[in-house]
N, C-alpha and C. Protein backbone atom coordinates (compact mmCIF):
# COMPACT_ATOMS: atom_id res chain seq x y z
N UNK A 1 183.73 218.45 194.40
CA UNK A 1 183.57 218.20 192.97
C UNK A 1 183.10 216.75 192.74
N UNK A 2 183.68 215.82 193.52
CA UNK A 2 183.31 214.42 193.35
C UNK A 2 181.83 214.22 193.70
N UNK A 3 181.38 214.83 194.79
CA UNK A 3 179.99 214.69 195.18
C UNK A 3 179.06 215.33 194.17
N UNK A 4 179.47 216.43 193.61
CA UNK A 4 178.65 217.13 192.60
C UNK A 4 178.52 216.26 191.34
N UNK A 5 179.64 215.66 190.92
CA UNK A 5 179.59 214.81 189.72
C UNK A 5 178.77 213.55 189.97
N UNK A 6 178.91 212.97 191.17
CA UNK A 6 178.09 211.81 191.52
C UNK A 6 176.62 212.13 191.49
N UNK A 7 176.26 213.31 192.01
CA UNK A 7 174.88 213.76 192.00
C UNK A 7 174.35 213.99 190.59
N UNK A 8 175.20 214.61 189.75
CA UNK A 8 174.78 214.83 188.36
C UNK A 8 174.59 213.51 187.62
N UNK A 9 175.46 212.54 187.88
CA UNK A 9 175.33 211.24 187.25
C UNK A 9 174.07 210.54 187.69
N UNK A 10 173.80 210.58 189.02
CA UNK A 10 172.57 209.96 189.53
C UNK A 10 171.33 210.61 188.90
N UNK A 11 171.35 211.91 188.77
CA UNK A 11 170.23 212.64 188.16
C UNK A 11 170.07 212.21 186.70
N UNK A 12 171.16 212.13 185.96
CA UNK A 12 171.07 211.73 184.55
C UNK A 12 170.54 210.33 184.38
N UNK A 13 171.00 209.40 185.23
CA UNK A 13 170.52 208.03 185.12
C UNK A 13 169.04 207.94 185.54
N UNK A 14 168.64 208.70 186.56
CA UNK A 14 167.24 208.69 186.99
C UNK A 14 166.32 209.26 185.90
N UNK A 15 166.90 210.16 185.08
CA UNK A 15 166.11 210.77 183.99
C UNK A 15 166.11 209.92 182.73
N UNK A 16 166.76 208.74 182.77
CA UNK A 16 166.71 207.82 181.66
C UNK A 16 167.94 207.74 180.78
N UNK A 17 168.98 208.52 181.10
CA UNK A 17 170.22 208.40 180.32
C UNK A 17 170.88 207.06 180.59
N UNK A 18 171.54 206.49 179.62
CA UNK A 18 172.23 205.23 179.81
C UNK A 18 173.75 205.40 179.90
N UNK A 19 174.30 206.36 179.15
CA UNK A 19 175.75 206.54 179.12
C UNK A 19 176.08 208.02 179.31
N UNK A 20 177.03 208.25 180.21
CA UNK A 20 177.52 209.60 180.45
C UNK A 20 179.02 209.62 180.16
N UNK A 21 179.47 210.66 179.50
CA UNK A 21 180.89 210.82 179.16
C UNK A 21 181.41 212.15 179.70
N UNK A 22 182.71 212.16 180.02
CA UNK A 22 183.35 213.44 180.34
C UNK A 22 184.80 213.35 179.84
N UNK A 23 185.38 214.50 179.70
CA UNK A 23 186.77 214.55 179.26
C UNK A 23 187.50 215.65 180.01
N UNK A 24 188.80 215.46 180.17
CA UNK A 24 189.63 216.47 180.83
C UNK A 24 191.02 216.45 180.19
N UNK A 25 191.70 217.58 180.31
CA UNK A 25 193.07 217.61 179.76
C UNK A 25 193.92 216.60 180.50
N UNK A 26 194.81 215.94 179.77
CA UNK A 26 195.62 214.90 180.36
C UNK A 26 196.56 215.43 181.43
N UNK A 27 196.85 216.73 181.41
CA UNK A 27 197.75 217.29 182.40
C UNK A 27 196.95 217.82 183.62
N UNK A 28 195.75 217.30 183.84
CA UNK A 28 194.93 217.70 184.99
C UNK A 28 194.58 216.49 185.83
N UNK A 29 195.52 216.05 186.68
CA UNK A 29 195.27 214.84 187.48
C UNK A 29 194.12 214.98 188.48
N UNK A 30 193.84 216.20 188.93
CA UNK A 30 192.72 216.38 189.87
C UNK A 30 191.39 216.04 189.22
N UNK A 31 191.20 216.45 187.97
CA UNK A 31 189.98 216.11 187.25
C UNK A 31 189.88 214.60 187.02
N UNK A 32 191.01 213.96 186.78
CA UNK A 32 191.03 212.51 186.59
C UNK A 32 190.56 211.81 187.86
N UNK A 33 191.05 212.28 189.02
CA UNK A 33 190.66 211.67 190.31
C UNK A 33 189.18 211.86 190.55
N UNK A 34 188.65 213.04 190.28
CA UNK A 34 187.20 213.27 190.44
C UNK A 34 186.42 212.29 189.59
N UNK A 35 186.80 212.12 188.34
CA UNK A 35 186.09 211.21 187.44
C UNK A 35 186.13 209.79 187.96
N UNK A 36 187.30 209.29 188.31
CA UNK A 36 187.41 207.89 188.71
C UNK A 36 186.70 207.65 190.07
N UNK A 37 186.79 208.59 190.99
CA UNK A 37 186.11 208.44 192.27
C UNK A 37 184.59 208.47 192.12
N UNK A 38 184.12 209.08 191.02
CA UNK A 38 182.69 209.15 190.76
C UNK A 38 182.21 207.98 189.92
N UNK A 39 183.07 207.02 189.68
CA UNK A 39 182.67 205.80 188.97
C UNK A 39 182.81 205.85 187.48
N UNK A 40 183.48 206.88 186.93
CA UNK A 40 183.69 206.97 185.49
C UNK A 40 184.98 206.28 185.12
N UNK A 41 184.88 205.28 184.24
CA UNK A 41 186.03 204.50 183.82
C UNK A 41 186.79 205.25 182.72
N UNK A 42 188.10 205.22 182.81
CA UNK A 42 188.92 205.84 181.75
C UNK A 42 188.77 205.00 180.48
N UNK A 43 188.57 205.64 179.36
CA UNK A 43 188.37 204.94 178.09
C UNK A 43 189.43 205.23 177.07
N UNK A 44 190.19 206.27 177.25
CA UNK A 44 191.25 206.53 176.27
C UNK A 44 191.60 208.01 176.14
N UNK A 45 192.62 208.27 175.33
CA UNK A 45 193.13 209.59 175.07
C UNK A 45 192.74 210.02 173.65
N UNK A 46 192.20 211.20 173.55
CA UNK A 46 191.90 211.81 172.24
C UNK A 46 192.94 212.88 172.01
N UNK A 47 193.82 212.64 171.05
CA UNK A 47 194.93 213.53 170.83
C UNK A 47 194.49 214.85 170.20
N UNK A 48 195.03 215.90 170.74
CA UNK A 48 194.81 217.26 170.21
C UNK A 48 193.34 217.62 170.03
N UNK A 49 192.47 217.11 170.90
CA UNK A 49 191.04 217.35 170.76
C UNK A 49 190.64 218.76 171.17
N UNK A 50 191.26 219.29 172.19
CA UNK A 50 190.83 220.55 172.78
C UNK A 50 191.76 221.67 172.36
N UNK A 51 191.19 222.80 171.99
CA UNK A 51 192.00 223.92 171.55
C UNK A 51 191.69 225.15 172.40
N UNK A 52 192.74 225.76 172.96
CA UNK A 52 192.69 227.04 173.65
C UNK A 52 193.56 227.99 172.87
N UNK A 53 192.99 228.96 172.21
CA UNK A 53 193.80 229.87 171.40
C UNK A 53 194.49 229.10 170.30
N UNK A 54 195.81 229.23 170.25
CA UNK A 54 196.60 228.53 169.22
C UNK A 54 197.15 227.22 169.71
N UNK A 55 196.87 226.82 170.95
CA UNK A 55 197.42 225.62 171.54
C UNK A 55 196.39 224.49 171.57
N UNK A 56 196.83 223.27 171.31
CA UNK A 56 195.96 222.08 171.35
C UNK A 56 196.40 221.18 172.48
N UNK A 57 195.42 220.48 173.10
CA UNK A 57 195.68 219.63 174.23
C UNK A 57 195.03 218.27 174.04
N UNK A 58 195.70 217.24 174.53
CA UNK A 58 195.12 215.89 174.56
C UNK A 58 194.07 215.84 175.65
N UNK A 59 193.02 215.04 175.42
CA UNK A 59 191.92 214.87 176.37
C UNK A 59 191.76 213.42 176.73
N UNK A 60 191.68 213.14 178.03
CA UNK A 60 191.37 211.79 178.50
C UNK A 60 189.86 211.68 178.65
N UNK A 61 189.26 210.67 178.03
CA UNK A 61 187.82 210.49 178.09
C UNK A 61 187.47 209.41 179.11
N UNK A 62 186.42 209.66 179.89
CA UNK A 62 185.88 208.71 180.87
C UNK A 62 184.42 208.53 180.56
N UNK A 63 183.85 207.39 180.96
CA UNK A 63 182.42 207.17 180.78
C UNK A 63 181.89 206.32 181.93
N UNK A 64 180.60 206.47 182.15
CA UNK A 64 179.90 205.68 183.17
C UNK A 64 178.57 205.26 182.55
N UNK A 65 178.23 203.99 182.76
CA UNK A 65 176.96 203.45 182.27
C UNK A 65 175.97 203.30 183.40
N UNK A 66 174.70 203.35 183.08
CA UNK A 66 173.65 203.16 184.09
C UNK A 66 173.79 201.79 184.74
N UNK A 67 174.38 200.83 184.03
CA UNK A 67 174.51 199.47 184.57
C UNK A 67 175.81 199.27 185.37
N UNK A 68 176.64 200.29 185.43
CA UNK A 68 177.87 200.20 186.24
C UNK A 68 177.51 200.18 187.72
N UNK A 69 178.33 199.55 188.57
CA UNK A 69 178.04 199.52 189.98
C UNK A 69 178.00 200.93 190.58
N UNK A 70 177.15 201.10 191.54
CA UNK A 70 177.05 202.40 192.24
C UNK A 70 178.36 202.68 192.98
N UNK A 71 178.65 203.96 193.18
CA UNK A 71 179.87 204.32 193.92
C UNK A 71 179.48 204.56 195.36
N UNK A 72 180.51 204.60 196.21
CA UNK A 72 180.29 204.87 197.64
C UNK A 72 180.21 206.37 197.91
N UNK A 73 180.35 207.20 196.88
CA UNK A 73 180.30 208.63 197.04
C UNK A 73 178.88 209.06 197.35
N UNK A 74 178.72 209.87 198.38
CA UNK A 74 177.42 210.40 198.75
C UNK A 74 177.19 211.69 197.98
N UNK A 75 176.13 211.73 197.11
CA UNK A 75 175.88 212.96 196.35
C UNK A 75 175.56 214.15 197.26
N UNK A 76 175.65 215.32 196.73
CA UNK A 76 175.30 216.54 197.49
C UNK A 76 173.84 216.51 197.92
N UNK A 77 173.52 217.13 199.08
CA UNK A 77 172.12 217.17 199.52
C UNK A 77 171.21 217.76 198.46
N UNK A 78 170.03 217.15 198.32
CA UNK A 78 169.04 217.63 197.37
C UNK A 78 169.15 217.03 196.01
N UNK A 79 170.24 216.25 195.76
CA UNK A 79 170.34 215.61 194.44
C UNK A 79 169.75 214.23 194.50
N UNK A 80 169.50 213.65 193.34
CA UNK A 80 168.94 212.29 193.26
C UNK A 80 169.93 211.33 193.92
N UNK A 81 169.45 210.47 194.75
CA UNK A 81 170.30 209.45 195.40
C UNK A 81 170.88 209.96 196.72
N UNK A 82 170.56 211.18 197.13
CA UNK A 82 171.11 211.66 198.43
C UNK A 82 170.16 211.33 199.54
């Protein structure tokens, strides 16, 4: 997952995007690890942003800028930067 996200980020930046954002439920530490290992900085918690059925969940937002340092993660083969 980390390599896939790193590849998607490299592709987005190569295509001219400057800022990428992602969010995950705060009770999902695996998604948080993928985001941070891929160079996405945690920016904050958005309370009750996500709704599944009748239940609402807080979302942690991460972002990465084109000007942020590159990560040591090797993207998947065939992606930009691999």
